[in-house]
């Protein structure tokens, strides 16, 4: 509980001091189908099946809705029966996700929720804490089962976890950073007179730049 309170305080402080920062004004593209597909792909399915498989298979409504309904049912059950620490973690992480999805920023163009649901690794940072809470609630759920059901469920969970670890080594592997020769860029910046703006290229490249006002 102390860890949750400290984390909440840090998050609230960060939101307070960055609330006035400028953001690109883009639509969310929110709808029920988009929300269900996004949650099924980014949260419920990705925990065990990996993002590459999920992005391809979970975008269809026929697959997304059953996964969503089963997962939400488990969350509701956990909120009703789980210990206070599990309930607190779930509620806190859901509030964090709700705040993030209110005004996400994963692209400077296009509908944000649609981009999150279909673009590889887009917006994954918003779901990390709730993923941890979901896995904690599922582990509690297994311990709450009767002995016979617990054995089969644990075996199934272990197989899925091992599979998730295997595909995680590819799904979450970032491309190696490119050397943009910052030393030379810094020299060129320092050689300029005071006043002009120095623009330095940073990873992952393309349109990502670091702007320094001398």
N, C-alpha and C. Protein backbone atom coordinates (compact mmCIF):
# COMPACT_ATOMS: atom_id res chain seq x y z
N UNK A 1 0.83 -1.20 0.00
CA UNK A 1 0.00 0.00 0.00
C UNK A 1 0.87 1.26 0.00
N UNK A 2 1.96 1.22 0.76
CA UNK A 2 2.88 2.36 0.79
C UNK A 2 3.47 2.60 -0.60
N UNK A 3 3.86 1.50 -1.28
CA UNK A 3 4.42 1.62 -2.63
C UNK A 3 3.40 2.21 -3.59
N UNK A 4 2.15 1.79 -3.45
CA UNK A 4 1.09 2.33 -4.32
C UNK A 4 0.91 3.83 -4.08
N UNK A 5 0.91 4.24 -2.82
CA UNK A 5 0.73 5.66 -2.49
C UNK A 5 1.89 6.51 -3.02
N UNK A 6 3.11 5.98 -2.87
CA UNK A 6 4.28 6.72 -3.38
C UNK A 6 4.21 6.84 -4.89
N UNK A 7 3.86 5.74 -5.56
CA UNK A 7 3.74 5.75 -7.02
C UNK A 7 2.66 6.73 -7.47
N UNK A 8 1.53 6.72 -6.77
CA UNK A 8 0.44 7.63 -7.12
C UNK A 8 0.86 9.08 -6.94
N UNK A 9 1.62 9.36 -5.87
CA UNK A 9 2.08 10.72 -5.62
C UNK A 9 3.04 11.19 -6.72
N UNK A 10 3.94 10.30 -7.15
CA UNK A 10 4.88 10.64 -8.22
C UNK A 10 4.13 10.92 -9.52
N UNK A 11 3.16 10.04 -9.82
CA UNK A 11 2.39 10.20 -11.05
C UNK A 11 1.59 11.50 -11.01
N UNK A 12 0.94 11.78 -9.91
CA UNK A 12 0.14 12.99 -9.79
C UNK A 12 1.01 14.25 -9.91
N UNK A 13 2.19 14.22 -9.29
CA UNK A 13 3.12 15.35 -9.38
C UNK A 13 3.57 15.58 -10.82
N UNK A 14 3.86 14.48 -11.51
CA UNK A 14 4.29 14.58 -12.90
C UNK A 14 3.19 15.17 -13.77
N UNK A 15 1.96 14.71 -13.57
CA UNK A 15 0.83 15.26 -14.33
C UNK A 15 0.64 16.74 -14.05
N UNK A 16 0.77 17.12 -12.78
CA UNK A 16 0.56 18.51 -12.39
C UNK A 16 1.57 19.45 -13.06
N UNK A 17 2.83 19.05 -13.07
CA UNK A 17 3.88 19.93 -13.60
C UNK A 17 4.01 19.89 -15.12
N UNK A 18 3.36 18.92 -15.77
CA UNK A 18 3.45 18.85 -17.23
C UNK A 18 2.10 19.13 -17.90
N UNK A 19 1.12 19.53 -17.12
CA UNK A 19 -0.22 19.73 -17.66
C UNK A 19 -0.29 20.86 -18.69
N UNK A 20 0.62 21.84 -18.59
CA UNK A 20 0.55 22.99 -19.49
C UNK A 20 1.43 22.83 -20.73
N UNK A 21 2.00 21.63 -20.93
CA UNK A 21 2.84 21.41 -22.09
C UNK A 21 1.99 21.33 -23.35
N UNK A 22 2.55 21.79 -24.45
CA UNK A 22 1.81 21.77 -25.71
C UNK A 22 1.78 20.37 -26.28
N UNK A 23 0.65 20.00 -26.88
CA UNK A 23 0.46 18.70 -27.51
C UNK A 23 -0.20 18.91 -28.86
N UNK A 24 0.06 17.99 -29.75
CA UNK A 24 -0.59 18.04 -31.06
C UNK A 24 -2.06 17.68 -30.89
N UNK A 25 -2.94 18.50 -31.42
CA UNK A 25 -4.37 18.29 -31.27
C UNK A 25 -4.86 17.34 -32.37
N UNK A 26 -5.02 16.07 -32.02
CA UNK A 26 -5.49 15.06 -32.97
C UNK A 26 -6.66 14.32 -32.36
N UNK A 27 -7.59 13.82 -33.18
CA UNK A 27 -8.76 13.10 -32.64
C UNK A 27 -8.38 11.73 -32.10
N UNK A 28 -9.18 11.25 -31.15
CA UNK A 28 -8.95 9.91 -30.61
C UNK A 28 -9.53 8.82 -31.50
N UNK A 29 -10.61 9.16 -32.23
CA UNK A 29 -11.27 8.15 -33.04
C UNK A 29 -11.96 7.10 -32.19
N UNK A 30 -12.48 7.53 -31.04
CA UNK A 30 -13.05 6.60 -30.07
C UNK A 30 -14.40 6.05 -30.54
N UNK A 31 -14.56 4.75 -30.36
CA UNK A 31 -15.83 4.07 -30.60
C UNK A 31 -15.79 2.76 -29.82
N UNK A 32 -16.93 2.11 -29.66
CA UNK A 32 -16.99 0.87 -28.90
C UNK A 32 -16.12 -0.21 -29.55
N UNK A 33 -16.26 -0.37 -30.87
CA UNK A 33 -15.48 -1.41 -31.55
C UNK A 33 -13.98 -1.13 -31.47
N UNK A 34 -13.60 0.13 -31.63
CA UNK A 34 -12.18 0.49 -31.55
C UNK A 34 -11.66 0.24 -30.14
N UNK A 35 -12.46 0.59 -29.13
CA UNK A 35 -12.04 0.39 -27.74
C UNK A 35 -11.86 -1.10 -27.43
N UNK A 36 -12.82 -1.92 -27.83
CA UNK A 36 -12.75 -3.35 -27.56
C UNK A 36 -11.55 -3.97 -28.27
N UNK A 37 -11.35 -3.62 -29.54
CA UNK A 37 -10.22 -4.15 -30.29
C UNK A 37 -8.89 -3.71 -29.69
N UNK A 38 -8.83 -2.44 -29.28
CA UNK A 38 -7.61 -1.90 -28.68
C UNK A 38 -7.28 -2.60 -27.37
N UNK A 39 -8.28 -2.76 -26.50
CA UNK A 39 -8.04 -3.39 -25.21
C UNK A 39 -7.70 -4.87 -25.36
N UNK A 40 -8.37 -5.54 -26.29
CA UNK A 40 -8.09 -6.96 -26.51
C UNK A 40 -6.68 -7.16 -27.03
N UNK A 41 -6.26 -6.28 -27.92
CA UNK A 41 -4.93 -6.42 -28.52
C UNK A 41 -3.83 -5.93 -27.59
N UNK A 42 -4.02 -4.74 -27.02
CA UNK A 42 -2.95 -4.10 -26.25
C UNK A 42 -2.82 -4.65 -24.83
N UNK A 43 -3.89 -5.16 -24.28
CA UNK A 43 -3.87 -5.53 -22.86
C UNK A 43 -4.11 -7.02 -22.66
N UNK A 44 -5.32 -7.47 -22.94
CA UNK A 44 -5.71 -8.82 -22.57
C UNK A 44 -4.98 -9.89 -23.39
N UNK A 45 -4.97 -9.73 -24.70
CA UNK A 45 -4.35 -10.75 -25.52
C UNK A 45 -2.85 -10.68 -25.54
N UNK A 46 -2.31 -9.48 -25.48
CA UNK A 46 -0.86 -9.31 -25.64
C UNK A 46 -0.08 -9.88 -24.45
N UNK A 47 -0.69 -9.98 -23.28
CA UNK A 47 0.01 -10.49 -22.11
C UNK A 47 0.55 -11.89 -22.37
N UNK A 48 -0.25 -12.72 -23.06
CA UNK A 48 0.17 -14.10 -23.27
C UNK A 48 0.53 -14.43 -24.72
N UNK A 49 -0.06 -13.71 -25.68
CA UNK A 49 0.12 -14.11 -27.07
C UNK A 49 1.11 -13.24 -27.85
N UNK A 50 1.50 -12.11 -27.28
CA UNK A 50 2.47 -11.27 -27.98
C UNK A 50 1.82 -10.33 -28.97
N UNK A 51 2.50 -9.25 -29.24
CA UNK A 51 1.91 -8.18 -30.02
C UNK A 51 1.84 -8.49 -31.52
N UNK A 52 2.83 -9.18 -32.05
CA UNK A 52 2.82 -9.48 -33.48
C UNK A 52 1.60 -10.33 -33.83
N UNK A 53 1.36 -11.38 -33.04
CA UNK A 53 0.20 -12.25 -33.29
C UNK A 53 -1.10 -11.50 -33.04
N UNK A 54 -1.13 -10.74 -31.95
CA UNK A 54 -2.36 -10.06 -31.55
C UNK A 54 -2.77 -9.01 -32.57
N UNK A 55 -1.82 -8.21 -33.05
CA UNK A 55 -2.14 -7.15 -34.00
C UNK A 55 -2.79 -7.72 -35.25
N UNK A 56 -2.35 -8.91 -35.64
CA UNK A 56 -2.86 -9.51 -36.87
C UNK A 56 -4.21 -10.18 -36.66
N UNK A 57 -4.37 -10.87 -35.52
CA UNK A 57 -5.54 -11.70 -35.31
C UNK A 57 -6.66 -11.02 -34.52
N UNK A 58 -6.30 -10.15 -33.58
CA UNK A 58 -7.29 -9.62 -32.65
C UNK A 58 -7.99 -8.36 -33.18
N UNK A 59 -7.68 -7.94 -34.38
CA UNK A 59 -8.31 -6.74 -34.91
C UNK A 59 -9.74 -7.00 -35.37
N UNK A 60 -10.11 -8.28 -35.57
CA UNK A 60 -11.47 -8.60 -35.99
C UNK A 60 -12.39 -8.64 -34.78
N UNK A 61 -13.60 -8.15 -34.97
CA UNK A 61 -14.56 -8.04 -33.87
C UNK A 61 -14.91 -9.41 -33.29
N UNK A 62 -15.02 -10.43 -34.14
CA UNK A 62 -15.42 -11.76 -33.69
C UNK A 62 -14.43 -12.35 -32.70
N UNK A 63 -13.17 -11.97 -32.81
CA UNK A 63 -12.16 -12.45 -31.86
C UNK A 63 -12.00 -11.49 -30.69
N UNK A 64 -12.06 -10.20 -30.97
CA UNK A 64 -11.81 -9.19 -29.93
C UNK A 64 -12.87 -9.21 -28.84
N UNK A 65 -14.15 -9.32 -29.20
CA UNK A 65 -15.22 -9.24 -28.20
C UNK A 65 -15.20 -10.40 -27.20
N UNK A 66 -15.06 -11.67 -27.64
CA UNK A 66 -14.97 -12.74 -26.64
C UNK A 66 -13.79 -12.59 -25.70
N UNK A 67 -12.62 -12.23 -26.23
CA UNK A 67 -11.45 -12.01 -25.38
C UNK A 67 -11.72 -10.88 -24.39
N UNK A 68 -12.32 -9.82 -24.85
CA UNK A 68 -12.62 -8.66 -24.00
C UNK A 68 -13.60 -9.05 -22.89
N UNK A 69 -14.67 -9.76 -23.23
CA UNK A 69 -15.70 -10.10 -22.25
C UNK A 69 -15.17 -11.05 -21.18
N UNK A 70 -14.39 -12.05 -21.60
CA UNK A 70 -13.83 -12.99 -20.63
C UNK A 70 -12.86 -12.28 -19.69
N UNK A 71 -12.02 -11.43 -20.25
CA UNK A 71 -11.02 -10.73 -19.43
C UNK A 71 -11.67 -9.74 -18.47
N UNK A 72 -12.66 -9.01 -18.94
CA UNK A 72 -13.36 -8.07 -18.08
C UNK A 72 -14.10 -8.81 -16.96
N UNK A 73 -14.64 -9.98 -17.28
CA UNK A 73 -15.32 -10.78 -16.24
C UNK A 73 -14.35 -11.17 -15.13
N UNK A 74 -13.12 -11.55 -15.51
CA UNK A 74 -12.11 -11.90 -14.52
C UNK A 74 -11.72 -10.69 -13.67
N UNK A 75 -11.65 -9.52 -14.31
CA UNK A 75 -11.33 -8.30 -13.57
C UNK A 75 -12.43 -7.97 -12.56
N UNK A 76 -13.68 -8.08 -12.99
CA UNK A 76 -14.81 -7.80 -12.10
C UNK A 76 -14.81 -8.78 -10.93
N UNK A 77 -14.53 -10.06 -11.23
CA UNK A 77 -14.47 -11.06 -10.17
C UNK A 77 -13.36 -10.73 -9.17
N UNK A 78 -12.21 -10.30 -9.69
CA UNK A 78 -11.09 -9.94 -8.81
C UNK A 78 -11.44 -8.73 -7.96
N UNK A 79 -12.12 -7.74 -8.54
CA UNK A 79 -12.52 -6.57 -7.77
C UNK A 79 -13.53 -6.92 -6.67
N UNK A 80 -14.25 -8.01 -6.88
CA UNK A 80 -15.26 -8.42 -5.90
C UNK A 80 -14.68 -9.32 -4.81
N UNK A 81 -13.75 -10.24 -5.20
CA UNK A 81 -13.29 -11.26 -4.27
C UNK A 81 -11.83 -11.13 -3.84
N UNK A 82 -11.01 -10.46 -4.59
CA UNK A 82 -9.57 -10.44 -4.32
C UNK A 82 -9.23 -9.66 -3.04
N UNK A 83 -8.04 -9.86 -2.50
CA UNK A 83 -7.60 -9.06 -1.35
C UNK A 83 -7.50 -7.58 -1.70
N UNK A 84 -7.45 -6.76 -0.67
CA UNK A 84 -7.46 -5.31 -0.85
C UNK A 84 -6.30 -4.84 -1.72
N UNK A 85 -5.12 -5.44 -1.57
CA UNK A 85 -3.96 -4.98 -2.32
C UNK A 85 -4.15 -5.20 -3.81
N UNK A 86 -4.79 -6.32 -4.21
CA UNK A 86 -5.06 -6.59 -5.61
C UNK A 86 -6.11 -5.62 -6.14
N UNK A 87 -7.15 -5.39 -5.34
CA UNK A 87 -8.18 -4.44 -5.74
C UNK A 87 -7.60 -3.04 -5.93
N UNK A 88 -6.76 -2.63 -5.00
CA UNK A 88 -6.15 -1.29 -5.07
C UNK A 88 -5.28 -1.15 -6.31
N UNK A 89 -4.49 -2.18 -6.59
CA UNK A 89 -3.61 -2.14 -7.76
C UNK A 89 -4.42 -2.07 -9.04
N UNK A 90 -5.49 -2.85 -9.13
CA UNK A 90 -6.34 -2.83 -10.32
C UNK A 90 -7.00 -1.47 -10.51
N UNK A 91 -7.57 -0.93 -9.43
CA UNK A 91 -8.26 0.36 -9.52
C UNK A 91 -7.29 1.48 -9.90
N UNK A 92 -6.12 1.49 -9.28
CA UNK A 92 -5.13 2.52 -9.58
C UNK A 92 -4.67 2.45 -11.02
N UNK A 93 -4.38 1.23 -11.50
CA UNK A 93 -3.90 1.08 -12.87
C UNK A 93 -5.00 1.40 -13.89
N UNK A 94 -6.25 1.09 -13.56
CA UNK A 94 -7.34 1.43 -14.48
C UNK A 94 -7.55 2.94 -14.57
N UNK A 95 -7.40 3.62 -13.43
CA UNK A 95 -7.50 5.08 -13.45
C UNK A 95 -6.36 5.70 -14.27
N UNK A 96 -5.16 5.14 -14.14
CA UNK A 96 -4.02 5.61 -14.93
C UNK A 96 -4.29 5.44 -16.42
N UNK A 97 -4.81 4.27 -16.80
CA UNK A 97 -5.08 4.02 -18.22
C UNK A 97 -6.19 4.92 -18.73
N UNK A 98 -7.23 5.13 -17.92
CA UNK A 98 -8.32 6.01 -18.33
C UNK A 98 -7.82 7.43 -18.58
N UNK A 99 -6.95 7.91 -17.69
CA UNK A 99 -6.39 9.25 -17.86
C UNK A 99 -5.51 9.33 -19.10
N UNK A 100 -4.76 8.26 -19.37
CA UNK A 100 -3.88 8.26 -20.54
C UNK A 100 -4.69 8.22 -21.83
N UNK A 101 -5.74 7.42 -21.87
CA UNK A 101 -6.54 7.29 -23.08
C UNK A 101 -7.45 8.49 -23.32
N UNK A 102 -7.62 9.32 -22.29
CA UNK A 102 -8.41 10.53 -22.47
C UNK A 102 -7.74 11.45 -23.49
N UNK A 103 -6.42 11.51 -23.44
CA UNK A 103 -5.68 12.35 -24.38
C UNK A 103 -4.33 11.72 -24.68
N UNK A 104 -4.33 10.60 -25.42
CA UNK A 104 -3.06 9.92 -25.72
C UNK A 104 -2.25 10.68 -26.77
N UNK A 105 -0.97 10.37 -26.84
CA UNK A 105 -0.12 11.01 -27.86
C UNK A 105 0.83 9.95 -28.40
N UNK A 106 0.40 9.26 -29.43
CA UNK A 106 1.24 8.22 -30.05
C UNK A 106 1.62 8.59 -31.48
N UNK A 107 0.97 9.61 -32.04
CA UNK A 107 1.27 10.02 -33.41
C UNK A 107 0.84 11.47 -33.59
N UNK A 108 1.56 12.19 -34.45
CA UNK A 108 1.19 13.58 -34.70
C UNK A 108 0.12 13.71 -35.77
N UNK A 109 -0.39 12.60 -36.25
CA UNK A 109 -1.47 12.61 -37.23
C UNK A 109 -2.29 11.34 -37.09
N UNK A 110 -3.51 11.37 -37.53
CA UNK A 110 -4.36 10.19 -37.47
C UNK A 110 -5.08 10.07 -36.14
N UNK A 111 -5.99 9.12 -36.06
CA UNK A 111 -6.77 8.88 -34.85
C UNK A 111 -5.96 8.05 -33.86
N UNK A 112 -5.83 8.56 -32.65
CA UNK A 112 -4.90 7.99 -31.68
C UNK A 112 -5.27 6.56 -31.26
N UNK A 113 -6.53 6.32 -30.93
CA UNK A 113 -6.93 4.98 -30.49
C UNK A 113 -6.74 3.96 -31.60
N UNK A 114 -7.02 4.36 -32.83
CA UNK A 114 -6.85 3.46 -33.96
C UNK A 114 -5.37 3.13 -34.14
N UNK A 115 -4.50 4.14 -34.00
CA UNK A 115 -3.06 3.91 -34.11
C UNK A 115 -2.57 2.98 -33.00
N UNK A 116 -3.08 3.16 -31.79
CA UNK A 116 -2.67 2.31 -30.68
C UNK A 116 -3.02 0.85 -30.96
N UNK A 117 -4.22 0.64 -31.51
CA UNK A 117 -4.69 -0.73 -31.73
C UNK A 117 -4.03 -1.44 -32.90
N UNK A 118 -3.44 -0.68 -33.83
CA UNK A 118 -2.95 -1.31 -35.06
C UNK A 118 -1.46 -1.13 -35.32
N UNK A 119 -0.79 -0.21 -34.62
CA UNK A 119 0.62 0.07 -34.88
C UNK A 119 1.49 -0.64 -33.86
N UNK A 120 2.54 -1.29 -34.31
CA UNK A 120 3.43 -2.06 -33.44
C UNK A 120 4.08 -1.18 -32.37
N UNK A 121 3.88 -1.54 -31.11
CA UNK A 121 4.43 -0.88 -29.93
C UNK A 121 3.89 0.54 -29.70
N UNK A 122 2.92 0.97 -30.47
CA UNK A 122 2.35 2.31 -30.27
C UNK A 122 1.50 2.34 -29.01
N UNK A 123 1.85 3.22 -28.07
CA UNK A 123 1.07 3.39 -26.85
C UNK A 123 1.19 2.27 -25.84
N UNK A 124 2.14 1.36 -26.02
CA UNK A 124 2.26 0.23 -25.08
C UNK A 124 2.56 0.71 -23.66
N UNK A 125 3.23 1.87 -23.54
CA UNK A 125 3.59 2.39 -22.22
C UNK A 125 2.35 2.67 -21.37
N UNK A 126 1.22 2.97 -22.01
CA UNK A 126 0.00 3.28 -21.26
C UNK A 126 -0.56 2.04 -20.55
N UNK A 127 -0.22 0.85 -21.02
CA UNK A 127 -0.86 -0.37 -20.53
C UNK A 127 0.01 -1.19 -19.58
N UNK A 128 1.26 -0.77 -19.39
CA UNK A 128 2.20 -1.59 -18.64
C UNK A 128 1.73 -1.85 -17.20
N UNK A 129 1.33 -0.80 -16.49
CA UNK A 129 0.94 -0.96 -15.08
C UNK A 129 -0.30 -1.84 -14.96
N UNK A 130 -1.26 -1.64 -15.86
CA UNK A 130 -2.47 -2.48 -15.82
C UNK A 130 -2.15 -3.92 -16.21
N UNK A 131 -1.18 -4.12 -17.07
CA UNK A 131 -0.74 -5.50 -17.38
C UNK A 131 -0.25 -6.20 -16.12
N UNK A 132 0.58 -5.50 -15.35
CA UNK A 132 1.09 -6.07 -14.10
C UNK A 132 -0.06 -6.38 -13.15
N UNK A 133 -1.01 -5.46 -13.05
CA UNK A 133 -2.16 -5.67 -12.17
C UNK A 133 -3.00 -6.86 -12.64
N UNK A 134 -3.18 -6.98 -13.97
CA UNK A 134 -3.94 -8.10 -14.51
C UNK A 134 -3.27 -9.42 -14.20
N UNK A 135 -1.96 -9.49 -14.39
CA UNK A 135 -1.24 -10.74 -14.12
C UNK A 135 -1.29 -11.09 -12.64
N UNK A 136 -1.20 -10.06 -11.79
CA UNK A 136 -1.30 -10.31 -10.34
C UNK A 136 -2.69 -10.85 -9.98
N UNK A 137 -3.73 -10.30 -10.59
CA UNK A 137 -5.09 -10.76 -10.29
C UNK A 137 -5.31 -12.17 -10.81
N UNK A 138 -4.70 -12.50 -11.97
CA UNK A 138 -4.86 -13.85 -12.50
C UNK A 138 -4.11 -14.88 -11.64
N UNK A 139 -2.96 -14.51 -11.13
CA UNK A 139 -2.24 -15.40 -10.23
C UNK A 139 -3.04 -15.63 -8.95
N UNK A 140 -3.67 -14.57 -8.45
CA UNK A 140 -4.53 -14.74 -7.27
C UNK A 140 -5.70 -15.66 -7.60
N UNK A 141 -6.27 -15.48 -8.80
CA UNK A 141 -7.41 -16.29 -9.23
C UNK A 141 -7.05 -17.77 -9.21
N UNK A 142 -5.83 -18.09 -9.68
CA UNK A 142 -5.38 -19.49 -9.69
C UNK A 142 -5.30 -20.03 -8.27
N UNK A 143 -4.77 -19.23 -7.36
CA UNK A 143 -4.63 -19.69 -5.96
C UNK A 143 -5.98 -19.86 -5.28
N UNK A 144 -7.01 -19.21 -5.83
CA UNK A 144 -8.34 -19.27 -5.24
C UNK A 144 -9.14 -20.48 -5.73
N UNK A 145 -8.60 -21.21 -6.71
CA UNK A 145 -9.30 -22.36 -7.25
C UNK A 145 -9.17 -23.57 -6.32
N UNK A 146 -10.02 -24.57 -6.56
CA UNK A 146 -9.88 -25.83 -5.84
C UNK A 146 -8.65 -26.57 -6.35
N UNK A 147 -8.20 -27.57 -5.62
CA UNK A 147 -6.92 -28.22 -5.89
C UNK A 147 -6.84 -28.78 -7.30
N UNK A 148 -7.87 -29.52 -7.77
CA UNK A 148 -7.82 -30.13 -9.08
C UNK A 148 -7.79 -29.08 -10.18
N UNK A 149 -8.67 -28.10 -10.07
CA UNK A 149 -8.70 -27.03 -11.07
C UNK A 149 -7.43 -26.20 -11.04
N UNK A 150 -6.83 -26.08 -9.84
CA UNK A 150 -5.62 -25.28 -9.69
C UNK A 150 -4.46 -25.89 -10.47
N UNK A 151 -4.35 -27.23 -10.44
CA UNK A 151 -3.25 -27.91 -11.13
C UNK A 151 -3.33 -27.68 -12.63
N UNK A 152 -4.51 -27.90 -13.22
CA UNK A 152 -4.67 -27.72 -14.66
C UNK A 152 -4.49 -26.26 -15.06
N UNK A 153 -5.02 -25.36 -14.24
CA UNK A 153 -4.90 -23.94 -14.56
C UNK A 153 -3.46 -23.47 -14.48
N UNK A 154 -2.75 -23.91 -13.44
CA UNK A 154 -1.34 -23.54 -13.31
C UNK A 154 -0.51 -24.06 -14.48
N UNK A 155 -0.81 -25.29 -14.92
CA UNK A 155 -0.08 -25.87 -16.05
C UNK A 155 -0.33 -25.05 -17.31
N UNK A 156 -1.59 -24.66 -17.52
CA UNK A 156 -1.91 -23.84 -18.68
C UNK A 156 -1.26 -22.47 -18.62
N UNK A 157 -1.29 -21.86 -17.44
CA UNK A 157 -0.68 -20.54 -17.28
C UNK A 157 0.82 -20.60 -17.52
N UNK A 158 1.48 -21.63 -17.01
CA UNK A 158 2.92 -21.77 -17.19
C UNK A 158 3.28 -21.93 -18.66
N UNK A 159 2.49 -22.70 -19.39
CA UNK A 159 2.74 -22.86 -20.83
C UNK A 159 2.60 -21.52 -21.55
N UNK A 160 1.55 -20.75 -21.20
CA UNK A 160 1.35 -19.46 -21.83
C UNK A 160 2.45 -18.47 -21.46
N UNK A 161 2.89 -18.52 -20.21
CA UNK A 161 3.97 -17.62 -19.77
C UNK A 161 5.26 -17.93 -20.51
N UNK A 162 5.60 -19.22 -20.64
CA UNK A 162 6.81 -19.60 -21.37
C UNK A 162 6.71 -19.19 -22.83
N UNK A 163 5.53 -19.36 -23.40
CA UNK A 163 5.32 -18.92 -24.78
C UNK A 163 5.45 -17.40 -24.88
N UNK A 164 4.91 -16.70 -23.88
CA UNK A 164 5.01 -15.24 -23.89
C UNK A 164 6.44 -14.75 -23.78
N UNK A 165 7.25 -15.43 -22.95
CA UNK A 165 8.66 -15.07 -22.84
C UNK A 165 9.38 -15.28 -24.17
N UNK A 166 9.05 -16.38 -24.85
CA UNK A 166 9.69 -16.70 -26.11
C UNK A 166 9.39 -15.65 -27.17
N UNK A 167 8.11 -15.30 -27.32
CA UNK A 167 7.77 -14.32 -28.36
C UNK A 167 8.11 -12.90 -27.93
N UNK A 168 8.24 -12.68 -26.60
CA UNK A 168 8.60 -11.35 -26.12
C UNK A 168 9.98 -10.93 -26.55
N UNK A 169 10.86 -11.93 -26.75
CA UNK A 169 12.22 -11.61 -27.19
C UNK A 169 12.25 -11.02 -28.59
N UNK A 170 11.19 -11.24 -29.35
CA UNK A 170 11.12 -10.66 -30.70
C UNK A 170 10.15 -9.49 -30.75
N UNK A 171 9.03 -9.59 -30.06
CA UNK A 171 8.02 -8.53 -30.12
C UNK A 171 8.53 -7.22 -29.54
N UNK A 172 9.31 -7.27 -28.47
CA UNK A 172 9.73 -6.07 -27.77
C UNK A 172 11.20 -5.73 -28.02
N UNK A 173 11.80 -6.34 -29.01
CA UNK A 173 13.19 -6.03 -29.32
C UNK A 173 13.25 -4.79 -30.20
N UNK A 174 13.89 -3.76 -29.72
CA UNK A 174 14.02 -2.52 -30.48
C UNK A 174 15.21 -2.61 -31.44
N UNK A 175 15.10 -1.88 -32.52
CA UNK A 175 16.21 -1.84 -33.47
C UNK A 175 17.40 -1.14 -32.84
N UNK A 176 18.62 -1.56 -33.17
CA UNK A 176 19.81 -0.90 -32.60
C UNK A 176 19.84 0.58 -32.94
N UNK A 177 20.23 1.39 -31.97
CA UNK A 177 20.33 2.82 -32.21
C UNK A 177 21.44 3.14 -33.22
N UNK A 178 21.17 4.13 -34.02
CA UNK A 178 22.14 4.57 -35.01
C UNK A 178 23.05 5.64 -34.39
N UNK A 179 24.31 5.61 -34.74
CA UNK A 179 25.27 6.60 -34.25
C UNK A 179 25.17 7.86 -35.11
N UNK A 180 24.61 8.92 -34.53
CA UNK A 180 24.47 10.18 -35.26
C UNK A 180 25.63 11.13 -34.98
N UNK A 181 26.68 10.62 -34.39
CA UNK A 181 27.91 11.40 -34.14
C UNK A 181 27.58 12.68 -33.38
N UNK A 182 27.09 12.49 -32.16
CA UNK A 182 26.72 13.64 -31.34
C UNK A 182 27.92 14.54 -31.05
N UNK A 183 29.10 13.96 -30.95
CA UNK A 183 30.29 14.77 -30.65
C UNK A 183 30.50 15.80 -31.74
N UNK A 184 30.37 15.38 -32.99
CA UNK A 184 30.54 16.31 -34.11
C UNK A 184 29.39 17.32 -34.17
N UNK A 185 28.18 16.86 -33.90
CA UNK A 185 27.04 17.76 -33.89
C UNK A 185 27.19 18.82 -32.80
N UNK A 186 27.69 18.40 -31.63
CA UNK A 186 27.89 19.35 -30.54
C UNK A 186 28.96 20.38 -30.88
N UNK A 187 30.02 19.94 -31.55
CA UNK A 187 31.08 20.86 -31.97
C UNK A 187 30.52 21.92 -32.92
N UNK A 188 29.72 21.48 -33.88
CA UNK A 188 29.13 22.41 -34.85
C UNK A 188 28.19 23.39 -34.16
N UNK A 189 27.49 22.90 -33.13
CA UNK A 189 26.57 23.77 -32.39
C UNK A 189 27.34 24.81 -31.59
N UNK A 190 28.41 24.38 -30.92
CA UNK A 190 29.19 25.30 -30.10
C UNK A 190 29.96 26.32 -30.94
N UNK A 191 30.22 25.98 -32.21
CA UNK A 191 30.94 26.90 -33.09
C UNK A 191 30.06 28.04 -33.59
N UNK A 192 28.75 27.89 -33.43
CA UNK A 192 27.83 28.92 -33.90
C UNK A 192 27.77 30.05 -32.87
N UNK A 193 27.48 31.27 -33.33
CA UNK A 193 27.33 32.39 -32.38
C UNK A 193 26.06 32.22 -31.54
N UNK A 194 26.01 32.93 -30.44
CA UNK A 194 24.83 32.85 -29.57
C UNK A 194 23.62 33.43 -30.29
N UNK A 195 22.50 32.79 -30.10
CA UNK A 195 21.27 33.26 -30.71
C UNK A 195 20.60 32.23 -31.58
N UNK A 196 21.30 31.68 -32.61
CA UNK A 196 20.66 30.70 -33.47
C UNK A 196 20.28 29.42 -32.72
N UNK A 197 19.32 28.71 -33.27
CA UNK A 197 18.87 27.46 -32.70
C UNK A 197 19.63 26.30 -33.33
N UNK A 198 20.18 25.42 -32.51
CA UNK A 198 20.89 24.24 -33.00
C UNK A 198 19.91 23.06 -33.02
N UNK A 199 19.87 22.36 -34.11
CA UNK A 199 19.00 21.20 -34.25
C UNK A 199 19.86 19.96 -34.43
N UNK A 200 19.73 19.01 -33.50
CA UNK A 200 20.55 17.80 -33.51
C UNK A 200 19.66 16.58 -33.67
N UNK A 201 20.01 15.69 -34.56
CA UNK A 201 19.24 14.48 -34.82
C UNK A 201 19.46 13.46 -33.70
N UNK A 202 18.37 12.87 -33.23
CA UNK A 202 18.46 11.86 -32.18
C UNK A 202 17.72 10.60 -32.64
N UNK A 203 17.97 9.52 -31.94
CA UNK A 203 17.25 8.26 -32.23
C UNK A 203 15.79 8.39 -31.80
N UNK A 204 14.85 7.76 -32.49
CA UNK A 204 15.06 6.79 -33.57
C UNK A 204 15.25 7.39 -34.96
N UNK A 205 15.58 8.67 -35.06
CA UNK A 205 15.85 9.26 -36.37
C UNK A 205 14.60 9.81 -37.02
N UNK A 206 14.62 9.86 -38.33
CA UNK A 206 13.52 10.39 -39.14
C UNK A 206 13.23 11.83 -38.71
N UNK A 207 12.10 12.08 -38.07
CA UNK A 207 11.73 13.44 -37.70
C UNK A 207 12.03 13.76 -36.24
N UNK A 208 12.79 12.92 -35.57
CA UNK A 208 13.11 13.15 -34.16
C UNK A 208 14.36 14.01 -34.06
N UNK A 209 14.23 15.18 -33.44
CA UNK A 209 15.33 16.12 -33.32
C UNK A 209 15.40 16.69 -31.91
N UNK A 210 16.58 17.09 -31.53
CA UNK A 210 16.83 17.77 -30.26
C UNK A 210 17.20 19.22 -30.58
N UNK A 211 16.42 20.17 -30.09
CA UNK A 211 16.63 21.58 -30.40
C UNK A 211 17.23 22.29 -29.20
N UNK A 212 18.37 22.94 -29.41
CA UNK A 212 19.09 23.64 -28.34
C UNK A 212 19.19 25.12 -28.68
N UNK A 213 18.73 25.96 -27.78
CA UNK A 213 18.82 27.41 -27.97
C UNK A 213 20.07 27.93 -27.26
N UNK A 214 21.02 28.46 -28.00
CA UNK A 214 22.24 28.99 -27.41
C UNK A 214 22.04 30.41 -26.88
